Protein backbone atom coordinates (compact mmCIF):
# COMPACT_ATOMS: atom_id res chain seq x y z
CA MET A 1 0.70 33.14 -30.39
CA ARG A 2 2.52 29.86 -29.64
CA ASP A 3 5.33 30.12 -27.06
CA PRO A 4 8.45 28.59 -28.72
CA ARG A 5 9.59 27.24 -25.33
CA ASN A 6 6.69 24.80 -25.44
CA ALA A 7 8.20 22.99 -28.43
CA ARG A 8 11.36 22.28 -26.41
CA LEU A 9 9.30 21.15 -23.42
CA ALA A 10 7.16 18.88 -25.61
CA GLN A 11 10.33 17.28 -26.95
CA VAL A 12 11.51 16.54 -23.39
CA VAL A 13 8.11 15.02 -22.56
CA VAL A 14 7.88 12.85 -25.69
CA GLY A 15 11.54 11.98 -26.20
CA HIS A 16 12.76 11.62 -22.61
CA SER A 17 9.96 11.45 -20.06
CA THR A 18 7.69 8.98 -21.84
CA ALA A 19 9.97 7.79 -24.67
CA ILE A 20 7.00 7.43 -27.01
CA ARG A 21 7.74 5.24 -30.03
CA ALA A 22 6.24 4.83 -33.49
CA GLY A 23 2.99 2.88 -33.48
CA GLU A 24 2.21 3.54 -29.82
CA THR A 25 -0.71 5.51 -28.43
CA ALA A 26 -0.31 8.34 -25.92
CA LEU A 27 -3.04 9.98 -23.86
CA ILE A 28 -2.71 13.70 -23.13
CA GLU A 29 -5.00 14.55 -20.23
CA SER A 30 -5.06 18.34 -19.92
CA THR A 31 -6.80 20.22 -17.13
CA ASP A 32 -7.80 23.85 -17.72
CA LEU A 33 -5.71 24.11 -20.89
CA CYS A 34 -6.92 23.40 -24.43
CA ASP A 35 -4.18 24.93 -26.59
CA GLY A 36 -0.57 26.03 -26.11
CA LEU A 37 1.51 23.07 -24.91
CA VAL A 38 -1.31 20.66 -25.82
CA LEU A 39 -0.80 21.53 -29.49
CA ASP A 40 2.98 21.13 -29.24
CA LEU A 41 2.57 17.72 -27.58
CA ILE A 42 0.23 16.55 -30.34
CA GLU A 43 2.75 17.63 -32.97
CA ALA A 44 5.67 16.01 -31.15
CA ILE A 45 3.76 12.71 -30.83
CA HIS A 46 2.84 12.81 -34.53
CA ARG A 47 6.50 13.40 -35.46
CA VAL A 48 7.59 10.10 -33.89
CA GLY A 49 4.82 8.22 -35.70
CA ALA A 50 2.62 7.67 -32.64
CA ILE A 51 -1.08 8.29 -32.05
CA PRO A 52 -2.14 11.12 -29.70
CA LEU A 53 -5.42 10.98 -27.79
CA VAL A 54 -6.57 14.07 -25.89
CA ALA A 55 -8.89 14.36 -22.90
CA LEU A 56 -9.67 17.95 -21.93
CA ARG A 57 -10.65 18.44 -18.28
CA SER A 58 -11.77 21.34 -16.12
CA ASN A 59 -11.37 21.62 -12.37
CA ALA A 60 -14.64 23.57 -12.19
CA VAL A 61 -16.41 20.75 -14.04
CA THR A 62 -14.76 18.16 -11.80
CA ARG A 63 -15.96 20.08 -8.75
CA ALA A 64 -19.55 20.01 -10.01
CA LEU A 65 -19.40 16.33 -10.95
CA VAL A 66 -17.84 15.19 -7.69
CA SER A 67 -19.89 17.41 -5.37
CA GLY A 68 -23.14 15.80 -6.44
CA GLY A 69 -21.78 12.50 -7.66
CA SER A 70 -23.25 9.11 -6.86
CA GLU A 71 -21.64 5.69 -6.63
CA ALA A 72 -23.27 4.72 -9.92
CA GLN A 73 -21.86 7.83 -11.63
CA PHE A 74 -18.33 7.23 -10.34
CA ARG A 75 -18.36 3.54 -11.29
CA LEU A 76 -19.44 4.40 -14.84
CA GLN A 77 -16.81 7.15 -15.09
CA ALA A 78 -14.10 4.77 -13.87
CA GLU A 79 -15.18 2.11 -16.38
CA ILE A 80 -14.92 4.55 -19.29
CA GLU A 81 -11.65 6.16 -18.18
CA LEU A 82 -10.04 2.81 -17.38
CA ALA A 83 -10.99 1.42 -20.79
CA GLN A 84 -9.26 4.41 -22.39
CA MET A 85 -6.19 4.10 -20.16
CA GLU A 86 -5.85 0.41 -21.01
CA LYS A 87 -5.55 1.31 -24.71
CA VAL A 88 -2.50 3.58 -24.31
CA GLN A 89 1.17 2.93 -23.67
CA ALA A 90 2.02 6.45 -22.45
CA TYR A 91 0.24 9.12 -20.42
CA VAL A 92 0.90 12.86 -20.13
CA GLY A 93 -0.95 14.63 -17.30
CA LEU A 94 -0.90 18.37 -17.97
CA ARG A 95 -2.35 20.57 -15.24
CA ALA A 96 -2.91 24.31 -15.63
CA ALA A 97 -5.31 25.06 -12.79
CA HIS A 98 -6.78 28.55 -12.77
CA ASN A 99 -7.70 28.11 -9.10
CA SER A 100 -5.68 25.51 -7.19
CA SER A 101 -8.32 25.43 -4.44
CA GLU A 102 -11.24 24.69 -6.77
CA LEU A 103 -12.06 21.45 -4.93
CA ALA A 104 -11.74 22.91 -1.42
CA ASP A 105 -15.48 22.87 -0.67
CA VAL A 106 -16.28 19.46 -2.15
CA PRO A 107 -17.83 17.35 0.65
CA PRO A 108 -15.16 15.01 2.11
CA ASP A 109 -17.36 11.93 1.69
CA ARG A 110 -17.78 12.68 -2.05
CA LEU A 111 -14.02 13.17 -2.46
CA ALA A 112 -13.34 9.90 -0.65
CA LEU A 113 -15.81 8.04 -2.86
CA TYR A 114 -14.38 9.63 -6.01
CA SER A 115 -10.85 8.71 -4.92
CA ALA A 116 -11.83 5.13 -4.18
CA LEU A 117 -13.92 4.47 -7.28
CA VAL A 118 -12.17 6.59 -9.93
CA LEU A 119 -8.70 7.80 -9.00
CA LYS A 120 -7.47 4.60 -7.40
CA PRO A 121 -8.35 2.09 -10.16
CA VAL A 122 -7.62 4.41 -13.09
CA HIS A 123 -4.50 6.21 -11.85
CA LEU A 124 -2.97 4.72 -8.69
CA THR A 125 -3.42 1.14 -9.91
CA HIS A 126 -3.41 1.06 -13.73
CA ARG A 127 -1.81 4.25 -15.01
CA VAL A 128 1.04 4.31 -12.46
CA ASN A 129 1.89 0.62 -12.90
CA HIS A 130 1.10 -0.09 -16.55
CA THR A 131 1.97 2.99 -18.61
CA ARG A 132 5.00 5.19 -19.12
CA TRP A 133 3.70 8.38 -17.57
CA VAL A 134 4.66 11.91 -16.71
CA VAL A 135 2.78 14.65 -14.85
CA LEU A 136 3.60 18.33 -15.28
CA ARG A 137 2.10 21.75 -14.73
CA TYR A 138 1.61 24.65 -17.11
CA PRO A 139 2.51 28.19 -15.97
CA THR A 140 -0.55 30.21 -15.02
CA ALA A 141 -1.13 33.43 -13.10
CA SER A 142 -2.41 31.33 -10.20
CA MET A 143 0.87 29.40 -10.02
CA ALA A 144 2.92 32.58 -10.27
CA GLN A 145 0.99 33.99 -7.31
CA MET A 146 1.65 30.84 -5.26
CA ALA A 147 5.35 31.14 -6.08
CA GLN A 148 5.23 34.86 -5.20
CA MET A 149 6.68 35.75 -8.60
CA SER A 150 5.63 37.91 -11.50
CA SER A 151 4.15 35.97 -14.42
CA GLU A 152 7.25 36.55 -16.55
CA GLN A 153 9.59 35.55 -13.75
CA PHE A 154 7.64 32.39 -13.04
CA GLU A 155 7.51 31.38 -16.69
CA ASP A 156 11.31 31.73 -16.95
CA PHE A 157 11.69 29.63 -13.79
CA PHE A 158 9.20 27.01 -15.02
CA TYR A 159 10.84 26.38 -18.39
CA ARG A 160 14.34 26.40 -16.86
CA VAL A 161 13.57 23.70 -14.28
CA CYS A 162 11.41 21.58 -16.61
CA THR A 163 13.92 21.40 -19.46
CA LEU A 164 17.21 21.03 -17.58
CA ASP A 165 19.73 18.31 -18.49
CA TYR A 166 18.04 15.34 -16.86
CA ALA A 167 20.60 12.88 -18.25
CA ARG A 168 23.31 14.62 -16.21
CA LEU A 169 21.04 14.66 -13.17
CA ALA A 170 20.64 10.90 -13.57
CA ASP A 171 24.40 10.44 -13.49
CA GLY A 172 24.63 12.54 -10.33
CA MET A 173 21.94 10.53 -8.54
CA ARG A 174 23.45 7.12 -9.20
CA PRO A 175 25.70 7.05 -6.08
CA LEU A 176 22.78 8.09 -3.86
CA ALA A 177 20.55 5.34 -5.22
CA GLU A 178 23.32 2.79 -4.68
CA ARG A 179 23.88 4.03 -1.13
CA MET A 180 20.16 3.85 -0.32
CA ARG A 181 19.99 0.28 -1.66
CA ARG A 182 22.70 -0.69 0.86
CA THR A 183 20.99 1.09 3.75
CA ASP A 184 18.92 -0.52 6.48
CA ARG A 185 18.19 2.15 9.11
CA VAL A 186 17.30 5.77 8.37
CA ARG A 187 17.06 8.46 11.03
CA ILE A 188 15.73 11.99 10.46
CA ARG A 189 16.44 14.69 13.04
CA GLY A 190 15.48 18.35 13.24
CA ALA A 191 13.25 20.85 14.99
CA GLY A 192 10.31 18.86 16.37
CA THR A 193 11.53 15.80 14.46
CA ASP A 194 13.20 12.56 15.51
CA LEU A 195 12.03 9.73 13.28
CA SER A 196 13.57 6.36 12.46
CA PHE A 197 12.69 3.49 10.15
CA SER A 198 14.14 0.76 7.95
CA ILE A 199 14.32 0.77 4.14
CA LYS A 200 16.05 -2.60 3.90
CA GLY A 201 15.01 -4.64 0.89
CA ILE A 202 12.74 -1.94 -0.56
CA GLY A 203 13.43 -0.72 -4.09
CA VAL A 204 15.07 2.65 -4.74
CA VAL A 205 14.08 4.85 -7.67
CA PRO A 206 16.12 7.86 -8.85
CA CYS A 207 13.76 10.30 -10.59
CA GLU A 208 15.22 12.29 -13.45
CA GLY A 209 12.37 13.52 -15.58
CA ARG A 210 10.60 10.25 -16.42
CA ARG A 211 7.62 10.63 -14.09
CA ASN A 212 7.44 14.31 -13.12
CA LEU A 213 8.50 17.62 -14.62
CA PRO A 214 10.20 19.27 -12.88
CA ASP A 215 12.04 16.35 -11.32
CA GLY A 216 14.93 15.62 -9.03
CA GLU A 217 14.30 13.19 -6.18
CA CYS A 218 15.36 9.71 -5.11
CA PHE A 219 12.65 7.66 -3.41
CA THR A 220 12.08 4.40 -1.61
CA ALA A 221 9.64 3.41 1.13
CA PRO A 222 9.98 2.50 4.80
CA VAL A 223 9.39 -1.08 5.82
CA ARG A 224 5.72 -0.66 6.64
CA ASP A 225 5.74 -1.32 10.39
CA SER A 226 9.23 0.07 11.11
CA VAL A 227 8.43 3.80 11.43
CA ASN A 228 8.72 5.21 14.96
CA GLY A 229 9.00 8.73 16.37
CA THR A 230 7.76 12.17 15.38
CA ILE A 231 8.13 14.36 12.31
CA ALA A 232 7.08 18.01 11.96
CA PHE A 233 6.71 19.28 8.38
CA ASN A 234 7.53 22.91 7.63
CA THR A 235 5.97 23.24 4.17
CA PRO A 236 2.25 23.84 3.46
CA SER A 237 0.65 21.13 1.36
CA LEU A 238 -2.25 21.47 -1.09
CA TYR A 239 -4.08 18.16 -1.40
CA LEU A 240 -7.50 17.58 -2.98
CA GLY A 241 -8.22 21.30 -2.93
CA THR A 242 -7.33 21.95 0.73
CA THR A 243 -4.13 23.55 1.99
CA PHE A 244 -2.78 21.83 5.11
CA ASP A 245 -0.22 23.57 7.30
CA ARG A 246 1.94 22.86 10.39
CA VAL A 247 1.35 19.14 10.04
CA SER A 248 3.08 16.77 12.44
CA PHE A 249 2.78 13.02 12.93
CA THR A 250 3.75 10.63 15.71
CA PHE A 251 4.29 7.02 14.64
CA GLU A 252 4.26 3.81 16.60
CA SER A 253 5.18 0.59 14.78
CA GLY A 254 4.55 2.23 11.42
CA ARG A 255 1.15 3.72 12.19
CA ILE A 256 0.26 7.40 12.68
CA VAL A 257 -1.15 7.44 16.21
CA ARG A 258 -1.23 11.22 16.65
CA ALA A 259 -1.63 13.92 14.02
CA ALA A 260 -1.78 17.69 14.35
CA GLY A 261 -2.23 20.36 11.70
CA GLN A 262 -4.55 22.90 10.17
CA PRO A 263 -7.37 22.37 9.36
CA GLN A 264 -7.50 19.62 11.98
CA ASP A 265 -10.91 18.27 10.98
CA LYS A 266 -9.94 17.74 7.36
CA LEU A 267 -6.58 16.26 8.40
CA ASP A 268 -8.34 13.71 10.61
CA ALA A 269 -10.83 12.89 7.85
CA LEU A 270 -8.05 12.38 5.30
CA LEU A 271 -6.10 10.03 7.59
CA ASP A 272 -9.30 8.08 8.26
CA THR A 273 -9.84 7.44 4.54
CA ASP A 274 -8.64 3.87 5.08
CA GLU A 275 -6.08 2.03 7.23
CA GLY A 276 -3.31 2.55 4.66
CA ALA A 277 -3.68 6.33 5.00
CA ARG A 278 -2.12 6.07 8.48
CA HIS A 279 0.94 4.21 7.16
CA VAL A 280 3.75 5.49 4.92
CA GLY A 281 4.08 4.52 1.26
CA GLU A 282 7.11 6.61 0.25
CA PHE A 283 10.26 8.28 1.61
CA SER A 284 12.27 10.54 -0.69
CA LEU A 285 15.10 13.07 -0.79
CA GLY A 286 14.62 16.25 -2.89
CA LEU A 287 17.57 17.29 -5.07
CA ASN A 288 16.63 19.86 -7.73
CA PRO A 289 19.19 22.70 -7.44
CA TYR A 290 16.83 25.26 -8.99
CA VAL A 291 13.80 24.58 -6.79
CA LEU A 292 14.56 26.29 -3.49
CA HIS A 293 11.34 27.57 -1.92
CA PRO A 294 7.83 26.16 -1.48
CA MET A 295 4.98 27.34 -3.68
CA ASN A 296 2.20 25.09 -2.30
CA ASP A 297 2.43 22.80 -5.32
CA THR A 298 3.62 19.29 -4.51
CA LEU A 299 5.05 18.66 -7.97
CA PHE A 300 7.58 21.44 -7.32
CA ASP A 301 7.85 21.38 -3.53
CA GLU A 302 8.80 17.70 -3.24
CA LYS A 303 11.87 18.39 -5.45
CA ILE A 304 13.21 21.27 -3.30
CA SER A 305 16.96 21.09 -2.84
CA GLY A 306 17.79 19.98 0.71
CA SER A 307 14.31 18.63 1.40
CA LEU A 308 12.75 15.26 2.08
CA HIS A 309 9.20 14.04 1.91
CA LEU A 310 7.24 11.32 3.64
CA THR A 311 4.01 10.04 2.15
CA PRO A 312 0.99 8.65 3.97
CA GLY A 313 -0.81 6.28 1.65
CA GLN A 314 -0.26 4.10 -1.40
CA ALA A 315 3.21 2.74 -2.16
CA TYR A 316 4.58 2.64 -5.70
CA ALA A 317 5.17 -0.78 -7.30
CA ALA A 318 8.82 0.12 -7.97
CA ALA A 319 9.44 0.64 -4.23
CA ASP A 320 6.68 -1.41 -2.70
CA ASN A 321 6.36 -1.89 1.06
CA GLY A 322 2.90 -3.40 0.71
CA ASN A 323 0.93 -0.37 1.84
CA ARG A 324 -2.37 0.14 0.04
CA SER A 325 -4.58 3.23 0.21
CA GLN A 326 -6.84 5.51 -1.78
CA ILE A 327 -4.49 8.42 -1.02
CA HIS A 328 -0.85 9.24 -1.77
CA TRP A 329 0.00 12.48 0.02
CA ASP A 330 3.56 13.84 -0.16
CA LEU A 331 4.47 16.04 2.82
CA VAL A 332 7.68 18.07 2.62
CA LEU A 333 10.29 18.92 5.24
CA ILE A 334 12.98 21.39 4.09
CA GLN A 335 16.23 21.00 6.05
CA ARG A 336 18.34 23.88 4.76
CA PRO A 337 19.47 26.35 7.51
CA GLU A 338 16.96 29.07 6.62
CA TYR A 339 14.18 26.53 7.25
CA GLY A 340 15.53 25.28 10.57
CA GLY A 341 18.15 22.78 9.44
CA GLY A 342 18.16 19.08 10.12
CA GLU A 343 20.00 15.82 9.57
CA VAL A 344 19.61 12.55 7.66
CA TRP A 345 21.46 9.48 8.91
CA PHE A 346 21.97 6.14 7.11
CA ASP A 347 22.96 3.20 9.30
CA GLY A 348 24.37 5.45 12.00
CA GLU A 349 26.36 7.69 9.62
CA LEU A 350 25.43 11.33 9.04
CA VAL A 351 24.95 11.72 5.27
CA ARG A 352 23.18 15.08 5.01
CA ARG A 353 23.28 18.07 7.35
CA ASP A 354 21.26 21.25 6.81
CA GLY A 355 20.37 20.12 3.31
CA ARG A 356 23.95 19.42 2.17
CA PHE A 357 25.47 15.98 1.65
CA VAL A 358 28.50 15.55 3.89
CA VAL A 359 29.92 12.21 2.69
CA PRO A 360 32.39 12.34 -0.24
CA GLU A 361 30.54 9.88 -2.47
CA LEU A 362 27.44 12.12 -2.45
CA ASP A 363 29.13 15.52 -2.73
CA GLY A 364 28.31 15.61 -6.44
CA LEU A 365 24.64 16.12 -5.55
CA ASN A 366 25.22 19.41 -3.73
CA PRO A 367 23.76 22.26 -5.80
CA GLU A 368 27.02 23.88 -6.89
CA ARG A 369 28.33 20.52 -8.16
CA LEU A 370 25.40 19.62 -10.37
CA ASN A 371 25.94 22.42 -12.93
CA LEU A 372 22.80 21.54 -14.81
């Protein structure tokens, strides 16, 4: 039976997130899901007079392909996938993983080669910069377990946060984006954290449902060599099949010179992927009033109200500090009181304390004001 909530979600994806128009072509790339929302997306794309293409993926199949993959295999795969991506104007990445850790035992050297030869040219370079794209999850029992919710409870949460009034959220974020564009120096303080950097001259992007669902963040990037100090993240992070925890970085002149976390060996290997992996490609503030607690899924966790994230790796073209890498790894620090609190300063002025904005121009972004 088709869930009627998927039709509403498909409309948000097609009408708002990717704004697909008649005559265009859209690629739906669905992992571990072959019906449900996929069918509603196809119908929504047909209704606007566009052409849907569908690529069905499986994490288990990806694990098998990458684990034993060769350079020749990855180069051929990238050639085929890039040719397809170059034919579309919009991209919908739908992920419904049955096991979020399916890639955990893939050899690190195979993952690195796959990232370099497939993910970077197809997604980080072409898809991100040359299509209108959105990435979203699909509610599964695995995700409900990560969120520590019943399946019904998680589904209600999922559809609520993915179909909220993103136009109103955009209006609320406008003053923050304007303030960040005027800002030079940023300082982040908290338990185990005292980090400073410049964002002067870097673009600022308010995110209101046009790249991710759920959404609710405002991002820029540090000037590449300006990051100094230490930051301790308090949210586990699942990346390429491995969950990292208690991660902390010390920076000198923009470069991670010391890193601690679990598992340490995989953390070290990830940061040694290339030189850009030890520099930051994104800094963002999380603002979604309905996303309050981590569930070990970056797409949700980076939007947590009262959070921020810092990203070793590739910078986005819209907020480009020049950093280039095969990775883009968002690490989240929640600053609400129950997570230890913390402060964000812009040019010597305290703008957010314990997850709440404390300057009048940004008060409209506090959760009770958004009323989404």
